[in-house]
Amino acid sequence: MQAMVFDAPGSKLKPGELKMPEPSRHQLRLRVLACGVCRTDLHIVDGELIGPKLPLVLGHEIVGRVEALGSAVNGFALGDRVGVPWLGFTDGTCPYCRNAEENLCDNARFTGYQIDGGYASDTVADARYCFHLPESYSDAEAAPLLCAGLIGYRSLKITGDAARLGIYGFGAAAHIVAQLARYQGRQIFAFTRPGDARAQDFALELGAAWAGGSDETPPQELDAAIIFAAVGALVPAALKASRKGGVVVCGGIHMSDIPSFPYELLWEERVVRSVANLTREDAREFLALAPKAGVKTTVVPMPLAAANEALDRLRQGELTGAAVLVP
């Protein structure tokens, strides 16, 4: 099978021919139809997330067609179209799993990090962590739902009933969350890189009430904010823009250091918290809600061989929506 292989932090992915994987008892073998390119992939390539399996096939927003099934697989059949997300395995026995917090599992393993992912023509995945996908989305359109959508949805849930929602970093996750939030009747205030008129126009097209640079003050206080940009300096900025009792959710897996800030920004019961990974229940809820809410994904399809170009364009902020590799 064909794959783009990651060998070491800081290195480019290399095209390679790998042995076709065979599914174990609980696994599906999939022909990859599309795989989204996520900022987490950048964090792995750039060495900001340590300890990946090496060599590694990146990619955790996988849309695939079932080609073979392990002997213990239930709920899937040959030819089914399925999605594979970041969460690839949990032990089911640790205190977090027993408390319905499998996203915090002590022994979790993640697709495209400790498990080979979807920057390939074929892959295997544990069927217990795979999902049927809404038929209303094409293969490329469905791919961003599997991380940008899922992490965004979990972040949105944590904001509670916030009516005025700030979103910092208007990329793949933000453009999905904004549509969900508008469906729920919330106002969106979009914060982009200063001077990024393209991203600001995109946010306004998706129904944002206001769009401006991350160095600007929104016209109204925020009830909550979600930070998708991996920039720690945005935490005090979001706190400053939030009302008393507001919550600031850090929605990424990695962020630069949060600078020192005066306690008065946190006082009056403001909250800063992170979101980690996802649960399978998040996935079931979101994949049912997205088509009902009319969520549309904006994607830039690219051939598998262009994986390095896709990562570079993501790093430079040149993409509107999400890049998707199509083998």
Protein backbone atom coordinates (compact mmCIF):
# COMPACT_ATOMS: atom_id res chain seq x y z
CA MET A 1 0.00 0.00 0.00
CA GLN A 2 1.05 3.61 -0.53
CA ALA A 3 1.71 5.93 2.40
CA MET A 4 3.37 9.19 3.37
CA VAL A 5 5.71 8.24 6.21
CA PHE A 6 6.97 10.40 9.09
CA ASP A 7 10.40 9.36 10.37
CA ALA A 8 11.59 12.08 12.78
CA PRO A 9 10.51 15.45 14.21
CA GLY A 10 11.27 18.30 11.86
CA SER A 11 11.56 16.06 8.81
CA LYS A 12 9.38 16.00 5.72
CA LEU A 13 7.06 13.07 5.12
CA LYS A 14 8.39 10.56 2.62
CA PRO A 15 6.39 8.50 0.14
CA GLY A 16 6.70 4.79 0.79
CA GLU A 17 5.30 1.39 -0.12
CA LEU A 18 4.22 -0.46 3.03
CA LYS A 19 2.93 -3.97 3.60
CA MET A 20 -0.85 -4.22 3.39
CA PRO A 21 -2.14 -4.47 7.00
CA GLU A 22 -4.37 -7.34 8.08
CA PRO A 23 -7.12 -6.66 10.64
CA SER A 24 -6.92 -8.27 14.09
CA ARG A 25 -10.04 -9.53 15.91
CA HIS A 26 -11.58 -6.12 16.60
CA GLN A 27 -10.24 -4.26 13.58
CA LEU A 28 -11.49 -3.13 10.20
CA ARG A 29 -9.24 -2.81 7.20
CA LEU A 30 -10.20 0.27 5.24
CA ARG A 31 -9.48 1.61 1.83
CA VAL A 32 -8.86 5.26 2.60
CA LEU A 33 -11.19 7.56 0.67
CA ALA A 34 -10.09 10.82 2.32
CA CYS A 35 -8.08 12.01 5.32
CA GLY A 36 -8.21 15.49 6.80
CA VAL A 37 -5.05 17.43 7.65
CA CYS A 38 -5.24 18.64 11.25
CA ARG A 39 -3.13 21.10 13.27
CA THR A 40 -2.35 18.20 15.61
CA ASP A 41 -0.47 16.62 12.70
CA LEU A 42 1.65 19.77 12.58
CA HIS A 43 2.37 19.54 16.31
CA ILE A 44 3.63 15.97 15.78
CA VAL A 45 5.76 16.86 12.75
CA ASP A 46 7.24 19.90 14.51
CA GLY A 47 8.12 17.89 17.64
CA GLU A 48 5.71 19.74 19.92
CA LEU A 49 3.92 16.48 20.77
CA ILE A 50 6.57 14.09 22.01
CA GLY A 51 6.79 10.31 21.84
CA PRO A 52 4.99 9.43 18.60
CA LYS A 53 5.35 5.93 17.19
CA LEU A 54 8.16 6.03 14.63
CA PRO A 55 8.04 5.51 11.77
CA LEU A 56 4.47 6.79 11.66
CA VAL A 57 1.64 7.28 9.22
CA LEU A 58 -0.10 10.48 10.30
CA GLY A 59 -3.79 11.27 9.94
CA HIS A 60 -6.78 10.97 12.26
CA GLU A 61 -9.68 12.34 10.22
CA ILE A 62 -10.10 9.21 8.14
CA VAL A 63 -12.99 8.34 5.84
CA GLY A 64 -12.69 4.80 4.55
CA ARG A 65 -14.51 1.89 2.94
CA VAL A 66 -14.49 -1.46 4.77
CA GLU A 67 -12.43 -4.04 2.87
CA ALA A 68 -11.95 -6.69 5.56
CA LEU A 69 -13.26 -7.38 9.07
CA GLY A 70 -11.75 -9.02 12.12
CA SER A 71 -13.52 -12.03 13.62
CA ALA A 72 -14.96 -10.09 16.59
CA VAL A 73 -16.27 -7.06 14.69
CA ASN A 74 -19.93 -6.17 15.11
CA GLY A 75 -22.01 -3.41 13.54
CA PHE A 76 -20.06 -3.07 10.28
CA ALA A 77 -20.13 -4.89 6.97
CA LEU A 78 -17.95 -5.08 3.89
CA GLY A 79 -18.41 -1.95 1.80
CA ASP A 80 -19.59 0.28 4.65
CA ARG A 81 -18.25 3.84 4.71
CA VAL A 82 -16.87 4.65 8.15
CA GLY A 83 -15.00 7.41 9.96
CA VAL A 84 -11.94 6.99 12.17
CA PRO A 85 -11.20 9.74 14.73
CA TRP A 86 -8.27 10.67 17.01
CA LEU A 87 -9.32 8.38 19.87
CA GLY A 88 -8.23 4.92 18.78
CA PHE A 89 -8.22 2.84 21.96
CA THR A 90 -9.08 3.01 25.67
CA ASP A 91 -8.59 0.34 28.32
CA GLY A 92 -12.15 0.52 29.70
CA THR A 93 -10.93 -0.23 33.24
CA CYS A 94 -9.08 2.83 34.54
CA PRO A 95 -10.90 5.28 36.89
CA TYR A 96 -11.55 7.70 34.03
CA CYS A 97 -13.11 5.09 31.77
CA ARG A 98 -15.28 3.86 34.65
CA ASN A 99 -16.43 7.44 35.23
CA ALA A 100 -17.50 8.03 31.59
CA GLU A 101 -14.35 10.10 30.97
CA GLU A 102 -12.69 7.85 28.41
CA ASN A 103 -11.14 10.89 26.76
CA LEU A 104 -8.82 11.00 29.80
CA CYS A 105 -8.04 7.27 29.84
CA ASP A 106 -4.68 6.50 31.44
CA ASN A 107 -3.81 4.08 28.64
CA ALA A 108 -5.48 5.71 25.64
CA ARG A 109 -3.89 5.40 22.21
CA PHE A 110 -4.46 7.82 19.39
CA THR A 111 -4.82 7.47 15.63
CA GLY A 112 -2.00 9.00 13.64
CA TYR A 113 0.15 9.29 16.77
CA GLN A 114 0.58 5.90 18.48
CA ILE A 115 -1.47 4.08 15.81
CA ASP A 116 -0.83 4.43 12.09
CA GLY A 117 -3.38 6.71 10.49
CA GLY A 118 -4.83 7.76 7.18
CA TYR A 119 -2.08 9.45 5.14
CA ALA A 120 -2.17 6.23 3.12
CA SER A 121 -4.15 4.26 0.59
CA ASP A 122 -5.21 1.71 3.25
CA THR A 123 -5.28 1.43 7.04
CA VAL A 124 -6.66 -0.63 9.91
CA ALA A 125 -8.65 0.68 12.87
CA ASP A 126 -10.40 -0.73 15.93
CA ALA A 127 -14.07 -1.01 14.94
CA ARG A 128 -15.15 -0.11 18.48
CA TYR A 129 -13.83 3.41 17.85
CA CYS A 130 -15.15 3.83 14.30
CA PHE A 131 -18.42 5.45 13.24
CA HIS A 132 -20.90 5.35 10.39
CA LEU A 133 -20.95 8.72 8.64
CA PRO A 134 -23.90 10.85 7.48
CA GLU A 135 -24.58 10.15 3.81
CA SER A 136 -25.19 13.83 3.09
CA TYR A 137 -21.43 14.51 3.13
CA SER A 138 -19.00 13.53 0.41
CA ASP A 139 -15.84 11.70 1.46
CA ALA A 140 -13.76 14.89 1.53
CA GLU A 141 -16.50 16.89 3.25
CA ALA A 142 -16.89 14.27 5.98
CA ALA A 143 -13.19 14.12 6.92
CA PRO A 144 -13.00 17.37 8.97
CA LEU A 145 -16.00 16.29 11.02
CA LEU A 146 -13.82 13.61 12.65
CA CYS A 147 -11.55 15.96 14.62
CA ALA A 148 -12.16 19.60 13.81
CA GLY A 149 -15.85 18.92 14.24
CA LEU A 150 -15.62 16.59 17.23
CA ILE A 151 -13.16 18.66 19.30
CA GLY A 152 -15.07 21.78 18.36
CA TYR A 153 -18.33 20.20 19.49
CA ARG A 154 -16.86 19.13 22.82
CA SER A 155 -15.47 22.64 23.31
CA LEU A 156 -18.85 24.15 22.48
CA LYS A 157 -20.63 21.92 24.99
CA ILE A 158 -18.31 23.15 27.74
CA THR A 159 -19.38 26.76 27.10
CA GLY A 160 -22.83 25.85 28.42
CA ASP A 161 -25.58 28.20 27.29
CA ALA A 162 -23.28 31.11 26.43
CA ALA A 163 -25.19 33.43 24.11
CA ARG A 164 -22.23 35.58 23.02
CA LEU A 165 -19.40 33.28 21.96
CA GLY A 166 -15.91 34.35 20.96
CA ILE A 167 -13.85 32.08 18.70
CA TYR A 168 -10.11 32.72 18.51
CA GLY A 169 -8.45 31.22 15.44
CA PHE A 170 -10.88 30.83 12.54
CA GLY A 171 -9.74 27.64 10.83
CA ALA A 172 -11.10 24.13 10.33
CA ALA A 173 -12.62 23.63 13.79
CA ALA A 174 -13.95 27.18 14.08
CA HIS A 175 -15.81 27.14 10.79
CA ILE A 176 -17.73 24.04 11.92
CA VAL A 177 -18.37 25.26 15.46
CA ALA A 178 -19.62 28.62 14.20
CA GLN A 179 -22.32 26.89 12.18
CA LEU A 180 -23.41 24.75 15.15
CA ALA A 181 -23.47 27.79 17.42
CA ARG A 182 -25.56 29.78 14.96
CA TYR A 183 -27.98 26.84 14.68
CA GLN A 184 -28.31 27.02 18.48
CA GLY A 185 -29.11 30.72 18.30
CA ARG A 186 -25.80 32.07 19.63
CA GLN A 187 -23.94 35.17 18.46
CA ILE A 188 -20.44 34.56 17.15
CA PHE A 189 -17.52 36.96 17.53
CA ALA A 190 -14.60 35.75 15.41
CA PHE A 191 -10.97 36.63 16.19
CA THR A 192 -8.31 36.04 13.55
CA ARG A 193 -4.67 36.91 13.03
CA PRO A 194 -4.49 40.72 12.96
CA GLY A 195 -5.12 41.96 9.44
CA ASP A 196 -6.35 38.61 8.07
CA ALA A 197 -9.24 40.00 6.04
CA ARG A 198 -9.75 36.68 4.21
CA ALA A 199 -10.45 34.78 7.44
CA GLN A 200 -12.62 37.61 8.77
CA ASP A 201 -14.72 37.64 5.60
CA PHE A 202 -15.07 33.85 5.85
CA ALA A 203 -16.36 34.17 9.43
CA LEU A 204 -18.88 36.83 8.42
CA GLU A 205 -20.08 34.64 5.54
CA LEU A 206 -20.78 31.90 8.10
CA GLY A 207 -22.94 34.24 10.17
CA ALA A 208 -20.55 35.81 12.66
CA ALA A 209 -21.96 39.00 14.21
CA TRP A 210 -18.46 40.53 14.24
CA ALA A 211 -15.00 39.60 13.02
CA GLY A 212 -11.70 41.27 13.83
CA GLY A 213 -8.12 40.72 14.83
CA SER A 214 -7.14 38.93 18.02
CA ASP A 215 -5.68 42.23 19.22
CA GLU A 216 -9.09 43.95 19.01
CA THR A 217 -11.86 44.36 21.59
CA PRO A 218 -15.25 42.94 20.55
CA PRO A 219 -18.25 45.28 20.56
CA GLN A 220 -19.88 43.30 23.40
CA GLU A 221 -18.60 41.31 26.37
CA LEU A 222 -18.36 37.60 25.71
CA ASP A 223 -20.21 34.98 27.75
CA ALA A 224 -17.59 32.43 26.70
CA ALA A 225 -14.67 32.02 24.34
CA ILE A 226 -13.06 29.06 22.60
CA ILE A 227 -9.40 29.32 21.63
CA PHE A 228 -8.38 27.11 18.70
CA ALA A 229 -5.19 28.98 17.84
CA ALA A 230 -2.14 27.47 19.57
CA VAL A 231 -1.15 30.84 21.02
CA GLY A 232 -0.95 31.11 24.81
CA ALA A 233 -1.09 34.92 24.72
CA LEU A 234 -4.73 34.64 23.62
CA VAL A 235 -5.78 33.33 27.05
CA PRO A 236 -5.44 36.67 28.87
CA ALA A 237 -6.89 38.43 25.83
CA ALA A 238 -9.97 36.20 25.92
CA LEU A 239 -10.33 36.66 29.69
CA LYS A 240 -10.22 40.42 29.23
CA ALA A 241 -13.00 40.20 26.64
CA SER A 242 -15.21 37.96 28.82
CA ARG A 243 -17.89 38.98 31.29
CA LYS A 244 -17.90 38.08 34.97
CA GLY A 245 -18.43 34.35 35.31
CA GLY A 246 -17.36 33.74 31.72
CA VAL A 247 -15.46 30.65 30.61
CA VAL A 248 -12.43 30.47 28.30
CA VAL A 249 -11.97 27.04 26.69
CA CYS A 250 -8.59 26.06 25.24
CA GLY A 251 -9.55 23.70 22.45
CA GLY A 252 -6.14 22.55 21.21
CA ILE A 253 -3.86 19.69 22.21
CA HIS A 254 -0.84 22.00 22.32
CA MET A 255 -0.40 25.70 23.04
CA SER A 256 2.57 28.02 23.49
CA ASP A 257 3.19 29.17 27.07
CA ILE A 258 0.50 31.35 28.62
CA PRO A 259 2.12 34.62 29.68
CA SER A 260 1.77 36.09 33.15
CA PHE A 261 -1.36 38.20 33.54
CA PRO A 262 -2.96 40.19 36.39
CA TYR A 263 -5.25 38.27 38.68
CA GLU A 264 -8.04 40.76 38.05
CA LEU A 265 -8.56 39.20 34.60
CA LEU A 266 -9.43 35.87 36.25
CA TRP A 267 -11.24 37.29 39.26
CA GLU A 268 -15.04 37.57 39.37
CA GLU A 269 -15.35 33.84 38.78
CA ARG A 270 -14.02 33.65 35.27
CA VAL A 271 -12.80 30.16 34.34
CA VAL A 272 -10.00 28.88 32.13
CA ARG A 273 -10.11 25.21 31.16
CA SER A 274 -8.90 22.85 28.46
CA VAL A 275 -10.53 20.23 26.29
CA ALA A 276 -8.76 16.89 25.84
CA ASN A 277 -9.51 14.42 23.07
CA LEU A 278 -13.09 13.18 22.67
CA THR A 279 -15.43 10.46 23.80
CA ARG A 280 -17.35 8.10 21.59
CA GLU A 281 -20.55 9.65 22.93
CA ASP A 282 -19.35 13.03 21.65
CA ALA A 283 -18.96 11.45 18.23
CA ARG A 284 -22.38 9.86 18.21
CA GLU A 285 -24.04 13.11 19.28
CA PHE A 286 -22.15 15.33 16.86
CA LEU A 287 -22.45 13.11 13.79
CA ALA A 288 -26.23 13.01 14.33
CA LEU A 289 -26.46 16.77 14.94
CA ALA A 290 -24.25 18.07 12.12
CA PRO A 291 -26.60 17.26 9.20
CA LYS A 292 -29.63 18.43 11.18
CA ALA A 293 -27.90 21.75 11.84
CA GLY A 294 -27.02 22.08 8.16
CA VAL A 295 -23.28 22.12 8.87
CA LYS A 296 -21.27 22.39 5.69
CA THR A 297 -17.51 21.88 5.61
CA THR A 298 -15.23 23.95 3.41
CA VAL A 299 -12.43 21.71 2.15
CA VAL A 300 -9.38 21.92 -0.09
CA PRO A 301 -8.86 18.45 -1.60
CA MET A 302 -5.23 17.57 -2.34
CA PRO A 303 -3.55 14.37 -3.56
CA LEU A 304 -1.86 12.14 -0.98
CA ALA A 305 1.55 12.97 -2.44
CA ALA A 306 0.96 16.65 -1.56
CA ALA A 307 0.84 15.97 2.21
CA ASN A 308 3.91 18.11 2.90
CA GLU A 309 2.45 20.99 0.91
CA ALA A 310 -0.83 20.68 2.84
CA LEU A 311 1.01 20.81 6.17
CA ASP A 312 3.02 23.84 5.04
CA ARG A 313 -0.08 25.69 3.89
CA LEU A 314 -1.76 24.94 7.22
CA ARG A 315 1.30 26.19 9.11
CA GLN A 316 1.29 29.44 7.13
CA GLY A 317 -2.44 30.03 7.62
CA GLU A 318 -3.10 29.89 3.88
CA LEU A 319 -6.12 27.58 3.99
CA THR A 320 -9.78 28.50 4.11
CA GLY A 321 -11.46 25.61 5.90
CA ALA A 322 -9.58 22.30 5.91
CA ALA A 323 -7.12 20.53 3.64
CA VAL A 324 -8.12 16.94 2.85
CA LEU A 325 -5.82 14.33 1.31
CA VAL A 326 -7.48 12.10 -1.28
CA PRO A 327 -5.46 8.98 -2.17
